[in-house]
Amino acid sequence: QEQNEMADLLEPVMGRKVIVTGGTGYIGSHTVVELIAAGYEPVIIDNLYNSDISVLEGIRAITGVTPKFWDYDLCDSQKLEEVFRAEGKVDAIIHFAAYKAVGESVRKPLDYYRNNLTSLMNLLAAMDRHDTPALVFSSSCTVYGQPDTLPVTETSPVKEAASPYGYTKQAGETIIRDTIAARPAHKAVSLRYFNPIGAHPTAFIGELPRGVPENLVPYITQTAIGLRDELKVFGTDYDTPDGSCIRDYLHVVDLAKAHVMALRRMLDGENKAGYEVFNLGMGKGVSVLEAIAAFEKASGVKLKYTITGRRAGDIEKIWADPSLANRELGWKTEITIEEAMETAWRWENRLKNKE
């Protein structure tokens, strides 16, 4: 019954145009697939900094549709204006485009502040000029820092960020909240993701990191398939049951569906507050070592890994209370971590076979 209720919330709504920034990226591409399935017309803006144009082929293979694509950088406000003028009426924006690696942000803070905040402000200005009424913002559980109590709810305090990346998400949310407060006809939702993993079950799209992966699961799959010599586990001296960091992992398709539901909520007038925030997670903490075990179980591959020192910017443990999103958006996770690992492994093997 719950699956039927989610399906009802994803029923087709034909003809609404949605700009998806970063739409060839990992979460963006999966969301484009779900938008097409729900009858929306996605228009992608992406400068391919951390993605590949071949993702459009994967989207077409799944949906039969090749979405319109603009190869532009959102930090160029003139190029962004060209898109809005060319596209005409835009019903909503889903904003993914941002630098996203915690470790890299510690090494390159100015790059993160310049890119992530300038692009957002340019987008909000264009949204205002062209009277686009709804925005979904790709935020992160990093806004909570290391929480005092777990699980994390939307009313948990936003603490000092542990990384420049985390701060750009905090600042981004503040910029959006204040902008929406000054524009009562507009609506916005910030979706605070926990840790998306996995790939589309068709294996036509998935996580495609450039260079050395910063996220755990692609590093796991690349190690398992022989692209990396071994996986490094950053610290096993944390105050957790097995000493490794704990995160809340959810499948990227589950995450993508939440964006469609948030969009529907705003466009159908159910968002009465103007600006809303939702946590998106499975609601369960899984340690790095448990995630490795889940992969080994799903794939049948024994993983080579070593223990090393802690990594700058990492927090010890965090997982979500997703009950607000469950109740207000009608959203819930449906895919287990083992199933997510299996899709990630299928995707990694497909990448190898394409070489």
Protein backbone atom coordinates (compact mmCIF):
# COMPACT_ATOMS: atom_id res chain seq x y z
CA GLN A 1 0.00 0.00 0.00
CA GLU A 2 2.82 2.43 0.88
CA GLN A 3 4.43 1.76 -2.52
CA ASN A 4 1.10 2.53 -4.22
CA GLU A 5 0.86 5.81 -2.30
CA MET A 6 4.35 6.83 -3.45
CA ALA A 7 3.45 5.87 -7.02
CA ASP A 8 0.37 8.12 -6.82
CA LEU A 9 2.58 11.04 -5.77
CA LEU A 10 4.74 10.41 -8.84
CA GLU A 11 1.84 10.27 -11.30
CA PRO A 12 2.51 12.17 -14.56
CA VAL A 13 2.10 15.95 -14.63
CA MET A 14 2.55 16.84 -18.26
CA GLY A 15 4.22 19.90 -19.68
CA ARG A 16 5.84 21.56 -16.68
CA LYS A 17 9.36 22.71 -17.51
CA VAL A 18 12.04 22.23 -14.86
CA ILE A 19 15.61 23.51 -15.11
CA VAL A 20 17.97 20.99 -13.52
CA THR A 21 21.39 22.45 -12.78
CA GLY A 22 24.09 19.80 -12.55
CA GLY A 23 21.69 17.46 -14.32
CA THR A 24 24.41 15.25 -15.80
CA GLY A 25 25.87 14.67 -12.33
CA TYR A 26 25.24 11.69 -10.11
CA ILE A 27 22.08 12.71 -8.25
CA GLY A 28 21.02 15.12 -10.99
CA SER A 29 20.90 12.47 -13.71
CA HIS A 30 18.83 10.08 -11.60
CA THR A 31 16.45 12.94 -10.79
CA VAL A 32 16.12 13.80 -14.48
CA VAL A 33 15.04 10.19 -15.08
CA GLU A 34 12.37 10.47 -12.37
CA LEU A 35 11.18 13.84 -13.69
CA ILE A 36 10.71 12.39 -17.16
CA ALA A 37 8.83 9.43 -15.69
CA ALA A 38 6.54 11.88 -13.90
CA GLY A 39 5.82 13.80 -17.12
CA TYR A 40 7.96 16.89 -16.50
CA GLU A 41 10.17 18.46 -19.16
CA PRO A 42 13.68 18.71 -17.66
CA VAL A 43 16.20 21.15 -19.12
CA ILE A 44 19.77 20.51 -17.98
CA ILE A 45 22.42 23.17 -17.34
CA ASP A 46 25.83 21.67 -16.59
CA ASN A 47 29.42 22.68 -17.36
CA LEU A 48 30.57 19.03 -17.15
CA TYR A 49 33.12 19.89 -14.46
CA ASN A 50 32.39 16.68 -12.59
CA SER A 51 30.28 14.72 -15.09
CA ASP A 52 30.31 13.47 -18.65
CA ILE A 53 28.13 14.20 -21.67
CA SER A 54 27.65 10.45 -22.17
CA VAL A 55 25.21 10.57 -19.24
CA LEU A 56 22.64 11.95 -21.69
CA GLU A 57 22.85 8.66 -23.58
CA GLY A 58 22.18 6.78 -20.34
CA ILE A 59 19.14 8.93 -19.60
CA ARG A 60 17.83 8.30 -23.12
CA ALA A 61 18.43 4.55 -22.78
CA ILE A 62 16.28 4.46 -19.63
CA THR A 63 13.53 6.92 -20.61
CA GLY A 64 13.52 7.15 -24.41
CA VAL A 65 13.99 10.91 -24.00
CA THR A 66 17.10 13.02 -24.51
CA PRO A 67 16.65 16.11 -22.34
CA LYS A 68 17.67 19.53 -23.64
CA PHE A 69 21.19 20.35 -22.52
CA TRP A 70 23.07 23.63 -22.04
CA ASP A 71 26.83 23.40 -21.51
CA TYR A 72 27.11 26.54 -19.37
CA ASP A 73 28.71 27.56 -16.08
CA LEU A 74 26.20 29.05 -13.64
CA CYS A 75 28.83 31.48 -12.40
CA ASP A 76 28.45 33.24 -15.79
CA SER A 77 25.27 35.24 -15.23
CA GLN A 78 25.04 36.32 -18.88
CA LYS A 79 25.02 32.70 -20.09
CA LEU A 80 22.38 31.86 -17.49
CA GLU A 81 20.23 34.73 -18.75
CA GLU A 82 20.51 33.30 -22.27
CA VAL A 83 19.05 30.01 -21.04
CA PHE A 84 16.05 31.61 -19.35
CA ARG A 85 15.29 33.81 -22.34
CA ALA A 86 15.55 30.88 -24.73
CA GLU A 87 13.43 28.52 -22.60
CA GLY A 88 10.55 30.90 -21.92
CA LYS A 89 8.29 29.93 -19.01
CA VAL A 90 10.11 27.78 -16.46
CA ASP A 91 7.95 26.26 -13.73
CA ALA A 92 10.69 25.25 -11.31
CA ILE A 93 14.41 24.81 -10.73
CA ILE A 94 16.22 21.93 -9.07
CA HIS A 95 19.70 23.11 -8.12
CA PHE A 96 22.37 20.42 -7.84
CA ALA A 97 25.34 22.15 -9.45
CA ALA A 98 28.08 22.59 -6.86
CA TYR A 99 31.50 21.34 -5.88
CA LYS A 100 30.77 18.58 -3.40
CA ALA A 101 33.82 16.85 -1.87
CA VAL A 102 34.47 17.50 1.83
CA GLY A 103 38.18 16.68 1.66
CA GLU A 104 38.79 18.77 -1.45
CA SER A 105 36.96 21.72 0.10
CA VAL A 106 39.41 21.69 3.01
CA ARG A 107 42.26 21.92 0.49
CA LYS A 108 40.56 24.45 -1.82
CA PRO A 109 38.20 26.58 0.28
CA LEU A 110 38.11 29.64 -1.99
CA ASP A 111 37.17 27.53 -5.00
CA TYR A 112 34.21 26.14 -3.05
CA TYR A 113 33.00 29.50 -1.74
CA ARG A 114 33.30 31.16 -5.15
CA ASN A 115 31.65 28.41 -7.16
CA ASN A 116 28.90 27.22 -4.83
CA LEU A 117 27.67 30.60 -3.63
CA THR A 118 28.08 32.66 -6.82
CA SER A 119 26.20 30.06 -8.87
CA LEU A 120 23.34 29.97 -6.35
CA MET A 121 22.98 33.75 -6.21
CA ASN A 122 23.02 34.01 -10.01
CA LEU A 123 20.30 31.39 -10.17
CA LEU A 124 18.10 33.10 -7.57
CA ALA A 125 18.45 36.41 -9.43
CA ALA A 126 17.40 34.78 -12.70
CA MET A 127 14.52 33.03 -10.94
CA ASP A 128 13.36 36.43 -9.68
CA ARG A 129 13.70 38.19 -13.06
CA HIS A 130 11.81 35.48 -14.91
CA ASP A 131 9.22 34.79 -12.21
CA THR A 132 10.06 31.12 -11.73
CA PRO A 133 7.99 30.20 -8.68
CA ALA A 134 9.69 27.13 -7.18
CA LEU A 135 13.19 25.97 -6.22
CA VAL A 136 14.48 22.68 -4.82
CA PHE A 137 17.95 23.05 -3.31
CA SER A 138 20.41 20.20 -2.99
CA SER A 139 21.59 20.59 0.60
CA SER A 140 23.38 18.23 2.94
CA CYS A 141 23.43 16.76 6.42
CA THR A 142 26.82 18.46 6.76
CA VAL A 143 24.90 21.57 7.90
CA TYR A 144 24.42 19.83 11.27
CA GLY A 145 28.15 19.37 11.90
CA GLN A 146 28.63 16.75 14.62
CA PRO A 147 25.17 16.58 16.23
CA ASP A 148 24.75 16.54 20.00
CA THR A 149 21.91 14.04 19.78
CA LEU A 150 20.95 11.38 17.25
CA PRO A 151 19.01 10.83 15.10
CA VAL A 152 19.02 14.29 13.52
CA THR A 153 15.73 16.12 13.01
CA GLU A 154 15.10 19.29 11.02
CA THR A 155 15.00 21.22 14.30
CA SER A 156 18.47 20.01 15.34
CA PRO A 157 20.83 22.97 15.62
CA VAL A 158 22.87 23.95 12.60
CA LYS A 159 26.35 23.92 14.10
CA GLU A 160 29.66 25.30 12.94
CA ALA A 161 30.48 23.52 9.70
CA ALA A 162 33.26 20.93 9.76
CA SER A 163 34.39 21.88 6.22
CA PRO A 164 34.13 24.70 3.67
CA TYR A 165 31.78 22.47 1.66
CA GLY A 166 29.47 22.20 4.66
CA TYR A 167 29.58 25.95 5.15
CA THR A 168 28.55 26.57 1.52
CA LYS A 169 25.44 24.48 2.18
CA GLN A 170 24.67 26.39 5.38
CA ALA A 171 25.17 29.73 3.64
CA GLY A 172 23.21 28.56 0.62
CA GLU A 173 20.22 27.67 2.76
CA THR A 174 20.37 31.06 4.48
CA ILE A 175 20.55 32.90 1.15
CA ILE A 176 17.53 30.98 -0.16
CA ARG A 177 15.50 31.46 3.03
CA ASP A 178 16.07 35.21 3.04
CA THR A 179 15.37 35.53 -0.69
CA ILE A 180 12.09 33.60 -0.42
CA ALA A 181 11.06 35.70 2.58
CA ALA A 182 11.36 38.78 0.37
CA ARG A 183 9.40 37.13 -2.48
CA PRO A 184 6.16 35.74 -0.97
CA ALA A 185 4.93 34.38 -4.30
CA HIS A 186 7.95 32.08 -4.56
CA LYS A 187 8.54 28.76 -2.80
CA ALA A 188 11.68 26.78 -1.96
CA VAL A 189 12.57 23.47 -0.37
CA SER A 190 16.01 22.50 0.90
CA LEU A 191 16.57 18.76 0.90
CA ARG A 192 19.27 17.78 3.36
CA TYR A 193 20.74 14.57 1.95
CA PHE A 194 22.53 12.08 4.05
CA ASN A 195 24.74 9.70 1.99
CA PRO A 196 23.44 8.69 -1.44
CA ILE A 197 24.89 5.50 -2.91
CA GLY A 198 24.20 3.00 -5.66
CA ALA A 199 23.19 3.34 -9.30
CA HIS A 200 20.12 3.07 -11.48
CA PRO A 201 19.02 -0.61 -11.59
CA THR A 202 19.49 -0.63 -15.37
CA ALA A 203 23.18 0.31 -14.83
CA PHE A 204 22.81 2.94 -17.59
CA ILE A 205 23.69 5.76 -15.15
CA GLY A 206 25.54 5.84 -11.84
CA GLU A 207 28.24 7.63 -9.88
CA LEU A 208 31.09 8.67 -12.17
CA PRO A 209 33.83 10.38 -10.13
CA ARG A 210 36.69 12.15 -11.85
CA GLY A 211 40.08 10.94 -10.68
CA VAL A 212 40.36 9.43 -7.21
CA PRO A 213 36.90 9.05 -5.65
CA GLU A 214 36.19 11.16 -2.57
CA ASN A 215 33.10 9.10 -1.64
CA LEU A 216 33.20 5.66 -0.05
CA VAL A 217 31.16 3.47 -2.38
CA PRO A 218 32.85 4.30 -5.71
CA TYR A 219 36.18 3.77 -3.99
CA ILE A 220 34.91 0.39 -2.78
CA THR A 221 33.75 -0.67 -6.26
CA GLN A 222 36.90 0.61 -7.97
CA THR A 223 39.03 -1.33 -5.49
CA ALA A 224 36.96 -4.46 -5.96
CA ILE A 225 37.30 -4.32 -9.74
CA GLY A 226 41.05 -3.66 -9.61
CA LEU A 227 41.29 0.03 -10.46
CA ARG A 228 42.58 0.82 -6.95
CA ASP A 229 45.09 -1.23 -5.01
CA GLU A 230 43.21 -0.98 -1.75
CA LEU A 231 40.59 0.99 0.15
CA LYS A 232 41.67 3.23 3.01
CA VAL A 233 39.42 3.33 6.07
CA PHE A 234 40.00 6.74 7.64
CA GLY A 235 40.14 6.04 11.36
CA THR A 236 38.88 3.21 13.56
CA ASP A 237 39.31 5.08 16.83
CA TYR A 238 36.01 6.97 16.75
CA ASP A 239 33.43 6.58 19.54
CA THR A 240 31.35 4.10 17.54
CA PRO A 241 30.76 0.35 18.02
CA ASP A 242 33.50 -0.69 15.59
CA GLY A 243 35.54 2.54 15.72
CA SER A 244 34.78 3.65 12.13
CA CYS A 245 32.63 6.61 11.10
CA ILE A 246 28.88 6.12 10.90
CA ARG A 247 26.71 7.50 8.10
CA ASP A 248 23.14 7.15 6.84
CA TYR A 249 23.29 5.61 3.36
CA LEU A 250 20.29 5.80 1.00
CA HIS A 251 19.87 4.70 -2.58
CA VAL A 252 20.15 7.43 -5.19
CA VAL A 253 16.86 6.46 -6.88
CA ASP A 254 15.00 6.83 -3.58
CA LEU A 255 16.68 10.22 -3.19
CA ALA A 256 15.79 11.28 -6.74
CA LYS A 257 12.10 10.53 -6.17
CA ALA A 258 12.05 12.91 -3.21
CA HIS A 259 12.84 15.80 -5.56
CA VAL A 260 9.78 15.06 -7.66
CA MET A 261 7.64 14.94 -4.54
CA ALA A 262 9.07 18.23 -3.23
CA LEU A 263 8.41 19.83 -6.61
CA ARG A 264 4.85 18.57 -6.65
CA ARG A 265 4.30 19.90 -3.14
CA MET A 266 5.27 23.43 -4.19
CA LEU A 267 3.57 23.50 -7.57
CA ASP A 268 0.34 22.08 -6.17
CA GLY A 269 0.24 24.68 -3.39
CA GLU A 270 0.80 22.32 -0.46
CA ASN A 271 3.86 24.29 0.67
CA LYS A 272 2.27 26.95 2.86
CA ALA A 273 5.44 28.07 4.62
CA GLY A 274 7.29 29.52 1.62
CA TYR A 275 10.55 27.88 2.64
CA GLU A 276 10.79 24.32 3.99
CA VAL A 277 13.56 21.89 4.95
CA PHE A 278 13.49 18.09 4.90
CA ASN A 279 16.00 15.43 5.93
CA LEU A 280 16.43 12.61 3.43
CA GLY A 281 17.96 9.46 4.84
CA MET A 282 17.16 5.86 5.62
CA GLY A 283 17.05 6.67 9.32
CA LYS A 284 19.70 4.12 10.22
CA GLY A 285 23.40 4.53 10.98
CA VAL A 286 25.82 2.27 9.13
CA SER A 287 29.56 2.28 9.85
CA VAL A 288 32.25 2.27 7.17
CA LEU A 289 33.19 -1.29 8.14
CA GLU A 290 29.52 -2.35 8.00
CA ALA A 291 29.23 -0.75 4.55
CA ILE A 292 32.25 -2.77 3.39
CA ALA A 293 30.62 -5.94 4.74
CA ALA A 294 27.36 -5.08 2.93
CA PHE A 295 29.27 -4.71 -0.33
CA GLU A 296 31.10 -8.00 0.16
CA LYS A 297 27.80 -9.75 0.82
CA ALA A 298 26.08 -8.18 -2.20
CA SER A 299 28.96 -8.73 -4.65
CA GLY A 300 30.62 -11.88 -3.38
CA VAL A 301 33.97 -10.06 -3.64
CA LYS A 302 36.38 -9.86 -0.70
CA LEU A 303 37.64 -6.30 -0.44
CA LYS A 304 41.22 -5.34 0.29
CA TYR A 305 41.41 -2.43 2.75
CA THR A 306 43.76 -0.91 5.32
CA ILE A 307 43.20 1.29 8.34
CA THR A 308 44.74 4.75 8.24
CA GLY A 309 44.48 8.01 10.19
CA ARG A 310 41.44 10.23 10.41
CA ARG A 311 40.60 12.50 7.47
CA ALA A 312 40.24 16.28 7.92
CA GLY A 313 36.62 17.45 7.85
CA ASP A 314 35.04 14.08 8.67
CA ILE A 315 32.49 13.94 11.46
CA GLU A 316 32.18 10.95 13.73
CA LYS A 317 28.59 9.79 13.34
CA ILE A 318 25.32 11.03 11.93
CA TRP A 319 22.02 9.59 10.78
CA ALA A 320 18.63 11.03 10.02
CA ASP A 321 15.17 11.09 11.47
CA PRO A 322 13.30 11.19 8.12
CA SER A 323 9.81 11.19 9.64
CA LEU A 324 8.99 14.74 8.51
CA ALA A 325 9.69 13.85 4.86
CA ASN A 326 7.79 10.59 5.35
CA ARG A 327 4.75 12.49 6.61
CA GLU A 328 4.74 15.72 4.59
CA LEU A 329 6.21 14.58 1.26
CA GLY A 330 4.83 11.04 1.38
CA TRP A 331 8.38 9.85 0.76
CA LYS A 332 10.25 6.91 2.22
CA THR A 333 13.29 4.84 1.32
CA GLU A 334 12.51 1.49 -0.31
CA ILE A 335 15.94 0.08 -1.25
CA THR A 336 18.24 -1.64 1.25
CA ILE A 337 21.97 -0.99 1.58
CA GLU A 338 22.73 -4.45 0.20
CA GLU A 339 20.54 -3.76 -2.86
CA ALA A 340 22.23 -0.38 -3.25
CA MET A 341 25.67 -2.00 -3.15
CA GLU A 342 24.55 -4.55 -5.75
CA THR A 343 23.50 -1.74 -8.15
CA ALA A 344 26.79 0.09 -7.56
CA TRP A 345 28.70 -3.10 -8.38
CA ARG A 346 26.61 -3.70 -11.52
CA TRP A 347 27.38 -0.12 -12.63
CA GLU A 348 31.12 -0.53 -11.99
CA ASN A 349 31.17 -3.70 -14.08
CA ARG A 350 29.30 -1.98 -16.89
CA LEU A 351 31.89 0.82 -16.89
CA LYS A 352 34.67 -1.74 -17.17
CA ASN A 353 32.92 -3.53 -20.06
CA LYS A 354 32.57 -0.22 -21.93
CA GLU A 355 36.33 0.41 -21.88
